[in-house]
């Protein structure tokens, strides 16, 4: 159970398990696991009704008595902790990631050209972007300078302009959880993990909790054209979330813990390659409350939504040929961690080789009806 938050016995954790009957929402309180499906058959329903009161449920025993195993070591019963929520993601929310997206765009997906472009662009705008508040007067002035200098980009527009980049990362129920295989396209040659915090909101837009996420990115696809964002981001098993949603409380875990979080990441390859990285939330350009508000400004989400907040991490460390930077290989084990949120661990495979996604909304409704958990 080394994937739990360091203070898990004091945390309120929300997740899903499959104990043989089908997806079951569980709530962990004071280290004890409760099956709450009788009163909240979905995580979405529980969050929409959440008022801070621990709902009654059937005790399943202490959390540390469960023998969860990664998918590649046995059949894991721990699922992604969201179900009917729409899975959204915000991109280019950090200055460094903005620079990297411009590099992708100018390299046209060719990793070999990235180093020279990175040096040139960082020298021109790197220091300025970090100090600029998106949508401010200073941001508008910087934009004018960059346009005149021939260095404006659509990625800088969402980095310092008034509107954040927000997209749908995965269909409902398509995300994978702790211990699952995570997918990249077999025809991608330049890609990387994106260690992030994901915020969970209910139908009213209340920020209720957070979890770890890996928003896998195909840099070659998106670099060739921003119109390939769908293929770069939404593939089988390409959205990982977990291991649990940690609900906000008054002391042990608040939104300020998210704002100050440092997310660590390691990639361990079967070729003995090791990559380490950090995502420091204190450097984010847009506050989580602003990002969540932009998601709901012109749209409703009756089952709630979760939102990847973006990442500072953009690996440039060479893996193979000099100047080509990092890219995944099949078999890489990715660990995203934070003391308050635990560890999200996944192993990289090609999306077409990952277990196919077959359990959609219709299947979930049929399963809940069969178990007598749906109420009019």
Protein backbone atom coordinates (compact mmCIF):
# COMPACT_ATOMS: atom_id res chain seq x y z
CA UNK A 1 0.00 0.00 0.00
CA UNK A 2 2.89 2.34 -0.71
CA UNK A 3 0.67 4.38 -3.03
CA UNK A 4 -1.40 5.96 -0.25
CA UNK A 5 -1.02 9.55 1.03
CA UNK A 6 1.43 9.76 3.92
CA UNK A 7 -1.40 10.80 6.28
CA UNK A 8 -4.02 8.48 4.76
CA UNK A 9 -5.52 7.60 8.14
CA UNK A 10 -6.50 11.26 8.58
CA UNK A 11 -7.69 11.75 4.99
CA UNK A 12 -11.14 11.44 3.48
CA UNK A 13 -10.57 9.41 0.34
CA UNK A 14 -13.11 8.65 -2.37
CA UNK A 15 -12.59 5.94 -4.95
CA UNK A 16 -13.99 3.01 -6.87
CA UNK A 17 -13.27 -0.68 -6.62
CA UNK A 18 -14.56 -3.76 -8.41
CA UNK A 19 -15.14 -6.55 -5.90
CA UNK A 20 -16.60 -8.87 -8.52
CA UNK A 21 -20.06 -7.36 -8.93
CA UNK A 22 -19.07 -4.20 -10.76
CA UNK A 23 -17.81 -0.65 -10.04
CA UNK A 24 -18.50 0.27 -6.41
CA UNK A 25 -17.93 3.72 -4.87
CA UNK A 26 -16.00 3.55 -1.61
CA UNK A 27 -15.26 6.19 0.99
CA UNK A 28 -12.24 5.86 3.27
CA UNK A 29 -12.62 7.59 6.64
CA UNK A 30 -10.17 7.18 9.52
CA UNK A 31 -8.51 4.37 7.61
CA UNK A 32 -11.68 2.30 7.22
CA UNK A 33 -13.27 1.48 3.86
CA UNK A 34 -17.02 1.91 3.42
CA UNK A 35 -19.12 0.69 0.50
CA UNK A 36 -21.50 3.63 -0.06
CA UNK A 37 -23.18 2.28 -3.20
CA UNK A 38 -26.55 1.77 -1.45
CA UNK A 39 -26.93 5.54 -0.97
CA UNK A 40 -24.62 6.77 -3.77
CA UNK A 41 -24.34 4.27 -6.64
CA UNK A 42 -21.85 6.53 -8.43
CA UNK A 43 -19.05 8.82 -7.33
CA UNK A 44 -20.81 11.57 -9.25
CA UNK A 45 -23.97 11.19 -7.17
CA UNK A 46 -22.01 11.22 -3.92
CA UNK A 47 -20.18 14.43 -4.85
CA UNK A 48 -23.35 16.20 -6.01
CA UNK A 49 -24.86 15.52 -2.59
CA UNK A 50 -21.66 16.13 -0.59
CA UNK A 51 -22.07 18.39 2.44
CA UNK A 52 -19.09 17.22 4.48
CA UNK A 53 -21.08 14.56 6.29
CA UNK A 54 -19.73 11.03 5.99
CA UNK A 55 -22.57 8.95 4.45
CA UNK A 56 -23.56 5.64 5.97
CA UNK A 57 -22.16 2.59 4.27
CA UNK A 58 -21.17 -1.02 4.72
CA UNK A 59 -17.74 -1.44 6.29
CA UNK A 60 -15.29 -3.42 4.17
CA UNK A 61 -12.51 -3.28 6.76
CA UNK A 62 -9.27 -1.31 7.04
CA UNK A 63 -7.78 0.07 3.84
CA UNK A 64 -4.36 -1.40 4.49
CA UNK A 65 -5.88 -4.91 4.55
CA UNK A 66 -6.69 -4.72 0.83
CA UNK A 67 -4.21 -6.45 -1.46
CA UNK A 68 -4.29 -4.22 -4.54
CA UNK A 69 -1.87 -5.24 -7.28
CA UNK A 70 -0.84 -3.46 -10.51
CA UNK A 71 -2.43 -4.84 -13.65
CA UNK A 72 0.87 -6.28 -14.83
CA UNK A 73 1.25 -8.29 -11.61
CA UNK A 74 -2.34 -9.48 -11.26
CA UNK A 75 -5.93 -8.36 -11.61
CA UNK A 76 -6.23 -4.97 -9.92
CA UNK A 77 -9.55 -4.07 -8.34
CA UNK A 78 -8.81 -0.36 -7.89
CA UNK A 79 -10.45 1.72 -10.63
CA UNK A 80 -10.13 5.35 -11.69
CA UNK A 81 -11.93 7.30 -8.94
CA UNK A 82 -14.30 9.16 -11.29
CA UNK A 83 -17.21 7.69 -13.21
CA UNK A 84 -19.89 9.90 -14.82
CA UNK A 85 -17.82 13.09 -14.60
CA UNK A 86 -16.60 14.63 -17.84
CA UNK A 87 -12.79 14.44 -17.96
CA UNK A 88 -11.42 17.85 -18.95
CA UNK A 89 -7.88 19.20 -19.14
CA UNK A 90 -6.28 22.64 -19.15
CA UNK A 91 -3.17 23.10 -21.24
CA UNK A 92 -0.33 25.60 -21.29
CA UNK A 93 -1.01 26.79 -17.75
CA UNK A 94 2.70 27.16 -16.91
CA UNK A 95 5.29 29.43 -18.53
CA UNK A 96 7.72 26.62 -19.28
CA UNK A 97 5.02 24.47 -20.87
CA UNK A 98 4.06 27.45 -23.04
CA UNK A 99 7.62 27.66 -24.33
CA UNK A 100 7.68 23.91 -24.99
CA UNK A 101 4.43 24.06 -26.98
CA UNK A 102 5.87 26.82 -29.15
CA UNK A 103 8.92 24.61 -29.70
CA UNK A 104 6.69 21.70 -30.75
CA UNK A 105 4.85 23.95 -33.16
CA UNK A 106 7.98 25.40 -34.74
CA UNK A 107 9.71 22.01 -34.91
CA UNK A 108 6.65 20.62 -36.73
CA UNK A 109 6.86 17.54 -34.55
CA UNK A 110 10.57 16.91 -35.31
CA UNK A 111 12.35 16.32 -31.99
CA UNK A 112 15.75 16.79 -33.64
CA UNK A 113 15.07 20.49 -34.25
CA UNK A 114 13.87 21.22 -30.74
CA UNK A 115 17.16 22.10 -29.00
CA UNK A 116 18.07 25.03 -31.26
CA UNK A 117 14.54 26.45 -31.23
CA UNK A 118 14.38 26.10 -27.43
CA UNK A 119 17.57 28.11 -26.93
CA UNK A 120 16.43 30.89 -29.25
CA UNK A 121 12.92 31.21 -27.85
CA UNK A 122 13.95 31.02 -24.20
CA UNK A 123 16.46 33.80 -24.74
CA UNK A 124 13.74 36.01 -26.21
CA UNK A 125 10.70 35.46 -24.00
CA UNK A 126 11.36 32.91 -21.24
CA UNK A 127 11.91 35.31 -18.36
CA UNK A 128 9.11 37.69 -19.36
CA UNK A 129 6.34 35.09 -19.56
CA UNK A 130 6.86 33.89 -16.00
CA UNK A 131 6.10 37.35 -14.60
CA UNK A 132 3.03 38.10 -16.71
CA UNK A 133 -0.50 37.55 -15.41
CA UNK A 134 -2.72 36.06 -18.15
CA UNK A 135 -5.21 38.54 -19.56
CA UNK A 136 -3.51 41.57 -17.98
CA UNK A 137 -2.39 44.80 -19.61
CA UNK A 138 1.23 43.65 -19.37
CA UNK A 139 0.27 40.47 -21.19
CA UNK A 140 -1.26 42.49 -24.02
CA UNK A 141 1.95 44.57 -24.31
CA UNK A 142 4.12 41.45 -24.41
CA UNK A 143 1.86 39.97 -27.08
CA UNK A 144 2.35 43.07 -29.25
CA UNK A 145 6.13 42.84 -28.87
CA UNK A 146 6.20 39.15 -29.79
CA UNK A 147 4.01 39.67 -32.84
CA UNK A 148 6.32 42.44 -34.05
CA UNK A 149 9.30 40.14 -33.47
CA UNK A 150 7.71 37.32 -35.45
CA UNK A 151 7.52 35.03 -32.44
CA UNK A 152 3.84 35.00 -31.58
CA UNK A 153 2.16 31.59 -31.27
CA UNK A 154 -1.28 30.17 -30.57
CA UNK A 155 0.27 28.54 -27.48
CA UNK A 156 1.40 31.89 -26.12
CA UNK A 157 -2.13 33.15 -26.74
CA UNK A 158 -3.58 30.68 -24.22
CA UNK A 159 -0.59 31.07 -21.89
CA UNK A 160 -0.93 34.83 -21.37
CA UNK A 161 -4.25 35.72 -23.04
CA UNK A 162 -7.59 35.98 -21.20
CA UNK A 163 -8.88 32.56 -22.25
CA UNK A 164 -7.36 29.31 -20.98
CA UNK A 165 -6.96 26.27 -23.19
CA UNK A 166 -9.53 23.74 -21.96
CA UNK A 167 -10.32 20.53 -23.84
CA UNK A 168 -12.01 17.20 -23.23
CA UNK A 169 -9.32 14.67 -22.40
CA UNK A 170 -11.33 11.45 -22.39
CA UNK A 171 -14.89 10.15 -22.72
CA UNK A 172 -16.89 9.39 -19.59
CA UNK A 173 -15.67 6.16 -17.93
CA UNK A 174 -12.61 5.87 -20.20
CA UNK A 175 -9.98 6.96 -17.67
CA UNK A 176 -7.71 4.34 -16.09
CA UNK A 177 -6.59 4.24 -12.48
CA UNK A 178 -3.64 3.23 -10.32
CA UNK A 179 -1.88 0.08 -11.46
CA UNK A 180 -3.38 0.13 -14.96
CA UNK A 181 -1.56 0.17 -18.27
CA UNK A 182 -1.44 3.61 -19.87
CA UNK A 183 -1.47 4.02 -23.63
CA UNK A 184 0.43 5.91 -26.31
CA UNK A 185 -0.24 5.67 -30.04
CA UNK A 186 1.95 3.14 -31.83
CA UNK A 187 2.76 5.66 -34.58
CA UNK A 188 4.04 8.35 -32.18
CA UNK A 189 7.81 8.87 -31.96
CA UNK A 190 7.91 11.87 -29.59
CA UNK A 191 5.75 11.77 -26.48
CA UNK A 192 5.92 12.18 -22.72
CA UNK A 193 4.01 11.84 -19.46
CA UNK A 194 2.42 14.90 -17.89
CA UNK A 195 2.35 14.70 -14.07
CA UNK A 196 -0.52 16.82 -12.84
CA UNK A 197 -3.08 17.54 -10.16
CA UNK A 198 -6.69 17.07 -11.22
CA UNK A 199 -9.47 18.98 -9.45
CA UNK A 200 -12.92 17.40 -9.02
CA UNK A 201 -16.03 19.60 -9.21
CA UNK A 202 -19.71 18.81 -8.76
CA UNK A 203 -22.62 19.97 -10.92
CA UNK A 204 -22.64 23.38 -9.20
CA UNK A 205 -18.95 23.91 -9.88
CA UNK A 206 -17.86 23.43 -6.26
CA UNK A 207 -14.21 22.41 -5.98
CA UNK A 208 -14.52 19.37 -3.71
CA UNK A 209 -11.25 17.47 -3.95
CA UNK A 210 -8.16 16.60 -5.93
CA UNK A 211 -6.17 13.63 -7.18
CA UNK A 212 -3.08 12.87 -9.21
CA UNK A 213 -3.18 12.59 -12.98
CA UNK A 214 -1.05 11.67 -15.96
CA UNK A 215 -2.26 13.51 -19.05
CA UNK A 216 -0.17 11.67 -21.64
CA UNK A 217 0.89 13.91 -24.52
CA UNK A 218 2.03 13.07 -28.05
CA UNK A 219 4.35 15.95 -28.88
CA UNK A 220 4.89 14.96 -32.49
CA UNK A 221 1.16 14.91 -33.29
CA UNK A 222 0.29 18.18 -31.58
CA UNK A 223 3.47 19.77 -32.88
CA UNK A 224 2.54 19.03 -36.49
CA UNK A 225 -0.80 20.78 -36.02
CA UNK A 226 -2.89 21.95 -33.09
CA UNK A 227 -5.85 20.50 -34.97
CA UNK A 228 -4.43 17.07 -34.12
CA UNK A 229 -5.03 17.71 -30.41
CA UNK A 230 -7.73 15.03 -30.32
CA UNK A 231 -5.34 12.37 -31.62
CA UNK A 232 -2.57 13.64 -29.38
CA UNK A 233 -4.67 13.49 -26.21
CA UNK A 234 -7.63 11.11 -26.49
CA UNK A 235 -6.55 7.53 -27.11
CA UNK A 236 -7.35 4.23 -25.45
CA UNK A 237 -6.00 4.21 -21.86
CA UNK A 238 -4.30 7.59 -22.28
CA UNK A 239 -5.87 9.32 -19.24
CA UNK A 240 -4.75 8.12 -15.81
CA UNK A 241 -6.28 9.38 -12.55
CA UNK A 242 -5.97 8.33 -8.92
CA UNK A 243 -5.31 6.52 -6.81
CA UNK A 244 -8.14 8.22 -4.86
CA UNK A 245 -9.88 11.57 -4.83
CA UNK A 246 -8.85 13.30 -1.63
CA UNK A 247 -11.77 15.42 -0.47
CA UNK A 248 -11.09 18.87 0.90
CA UNK A 249 -11.58 19.39 4.61
CA UNK A 250 -10.96 22.32 6.94
CA UNK A 251 -7.40 21.47 8.02
CA UNK A 252 -5.55 18.45 6.68
CA UNK A 253 -6.24 19.08 3.00
CA UNK A 254 -7.44 22.35 1.46
CA UNK A 255 -7.21 24.07 -1.90
CA UNK A 256 -4.10 25.82 -0.64
CA UNK A 257 -2.40 22.43 -0.41
CA UNK A 258 -3.08 22.07 -4.16
CA UNK A 259 -1.78 25.55 -4.87
CA UNK A 260 1.44 24.75 -3.03
CA UNK A 261 1.81 21.12 -4.14
CA UNK A 262 5.01 19.73 -5.59
CA UNK A 263 4.36 16.74 -7.84
CA UNK A 264 7.26 14.34 -8.29
CA UNK A 265 7.57 11.96 -11.21
CA UNK A 266 9.87 9.14 -12.21
CA UNK A 267 9.99 7.09 -15.39
CA UNK A 268 11.83 3.78 -15.15
CA UNK A 269 12.47 1.99 -18.42
CA UNK A 270 13.22 -1.67 -19.09
CA UNK A 271 16.42 -0.36 -20.74
CA UNK A 272 17.58 0.94 -17.31
CA UNK A 273 16.85 4.51 -18.40
CA UNK A 274 15.51 6.68 -15.58
CA UNK A 275 13.92 10.10 -15.82
CA UNK A 276 13.00 12.29 -12.86
CA UNK A 277 10.91 15.42 -12.97
CA UNK A 278 8.92 17.87 -10.85
CA UNK A 279 5.74 19.85 -11.34
CA UNK A 280 5.62 22.81 -8.94
CA UNK A 281 2.07 24.09 -8.66
CA UNK A 282 3.26 27.35 -7.14
CA UNK A 283 4.40 28.41 -10.61
CA UNK A 284 1.03 27.93 -12.31
CA UNK A 285 -0.13 31.00 -14.20
CA UNK A 286 -3.86 30.57 -13.55
CA UNK A 287 -5.48 29.73 -10.21
CA UNK A 288 -7.48 26.46 -10.03
CA UNK A 289 -10.63 28.43 -9.20
CA UNK A 290 -10.23 30.48 -12.39
CA UNK A 291 -9.65 27.38 -14.51
CA UNK A 292 -12.71 25.60 -13.11
CA UNK A 293 -14.82 28.73 -13.60
CA UNK A 294 -13.75 28.90 -17.25
CA UNK A 295 -14.87 25.29 -17.74
CA UNK A 296 -18.39 26.17 -16.55
CA UNK A 297 -18.67 29.68 -17.95
CA UNK A 298 -20.75 28.63 -20.98
CA UNK A 299 -21.50 24.97 -20.23
CA UNK A 300 -23.23 22.81 -17.64
CA UNK A 301 -22.01 19.48 -16.26
CA UNK A 302 -24.91 17.80 -14.43
CA UNK A 303 -22.69 14.89 -13.36
CA UNK A 304 -19.76 17.12 -12.49
CA UNK A 305 -16.32 17.15 -14.04
CA UNK A 306 -12.67 16.67 -13.22
CA UNK A 307 -10.00 18.96 -14.60
CA UNK A 308 -6.32 18.28 -15.15
CA UNK A 309 -4.65 21.57 -14.14
CA UNK A 310 -1.65 21.34 -16.49
CA UNK A 311 2.01 20.75 -15.84
CA UNK A 312 5.30 22.57 -15.53
CA UNK A 313 7.13 19.40 -16.56
CA UNK A 314 8.47 19.20 -20.12
CA UNK A 315 11.32 16.67 -20.43
CA UNK A 316 14.35 17.68 -22.50
CA UNK A 317 16.77 15.05 -21.23
CA UNK A 318 18.03 12.91 -24.12
CA UNK A 319 17.11 9.25 -24.05
CA UNK A 320 18.67 7.96 -27.25
CA UNK A 321 20.19 10.24 -29.88
CA UNK A 322 21.65 13.60 -28.74
CA UNK A 323 19.26 16.50 -29.26
CA UNK A 324 16.15 14.33 -29.59
CA UNK A 325 15.05 14.67 -25.97
CA UNK A 326 12.80 12.21 -24.19
CA UNK A 327 10.17 9.87 -25.55
CA UNK A 328 8.41 6.88 -24.02
CA UNK A 329 9.19 3.25 -24.71
CA UNK A 330 6.84 0.35 -24.11
CA UNK A 331 7.41 -1.01 -20.63
CA UNK A 332 8.18 2.33 -18.97
CA UNK A 333 6.77 2.50 -15.45
CA UNK A 334 5.60 6.02 -14.59
CA UNK A 335 5.14 7.07 -10.95
CA UNK A 336 3.47 10.41 -10.19
CA UNK A 337 3.50 11.25 -6.48
CA UNK A 338 2.74 13.81 -3.79
CA UNK A 339 2.71 13.31 0.00
CA UNK A 340 -0.89 14.49 0.33
CA UNK A 341 -2.25 12.61 -2.71
CA UNK A 342 -0.24 9.39 -2.78
CA UNK A 343 1.24 7.70 -5.84
CA UNK A 344 -0.26 7.12 -9.28
CA UNK A 345 1.64 4.31 -10.99
CA UNK A 346 1.10 3.08 -14.54
CA UNK A 347 3.00 1.09 -17.15
CA UNK A 348 3.28 2.29 -20.74
CA UNK A 349 1.94 0.21 -23.62
CA UNK A 350 0.64 1.02 -27.07
CA UNK A 351 -2.99 2.12 -26.89
CA UNK A 352 -4.04 -0.63 -29.29
CA UNK A 353 -2.41 -3.19 -26.95
CA UNK A 354 -4.00 -1.90 -23.74
CA UNK A 355 -7.19 -3.60 -22.54
CA UNK A 356 -9.96 -2.27 -24.79
CA UNK A 357 -12.44 0.13 -23.24
CA UNK A 358 -15.76 -1.71 -23.34
CA UNK A 359 -17.53 -0.62 -20.13
CA UNK A 360 -19.36 2.56 -21.05
CA UNK A 361 -22.34 4.44 -19.61
CA UNK A 362 -24.87 1.91 -20.92
CA UNK A 363 -22.97 -0.97 -19.34
CA UNK A 364 -22.70 0.88 -16.02
CA UNK A 365 -26.44 1.62 -15.93
CA UNK A 366 -27.25 -2.01 -16.73
CA UNK A 367 -24.88 -3.19 -14.01
CA UNK A 368 -26.32 -0.85 -11.38
CA UNK A 369 -29.87 -1.84 -12.33
CA UNK A 370 -29.01 -5.54 -12.04
CA UNK A 371 -27.61 -4.91 -8.55
CA UNK A 372 -30.72 -2.95 -7.52
CA UNK A 373 -28.76 0.25 -6.94
CA UNK A 374 -30.69 2.58 -9.27
CA UNK A 375 -33.54 4.53 -7.74
CA UNK A 376 -36.18 6.60 -9.51
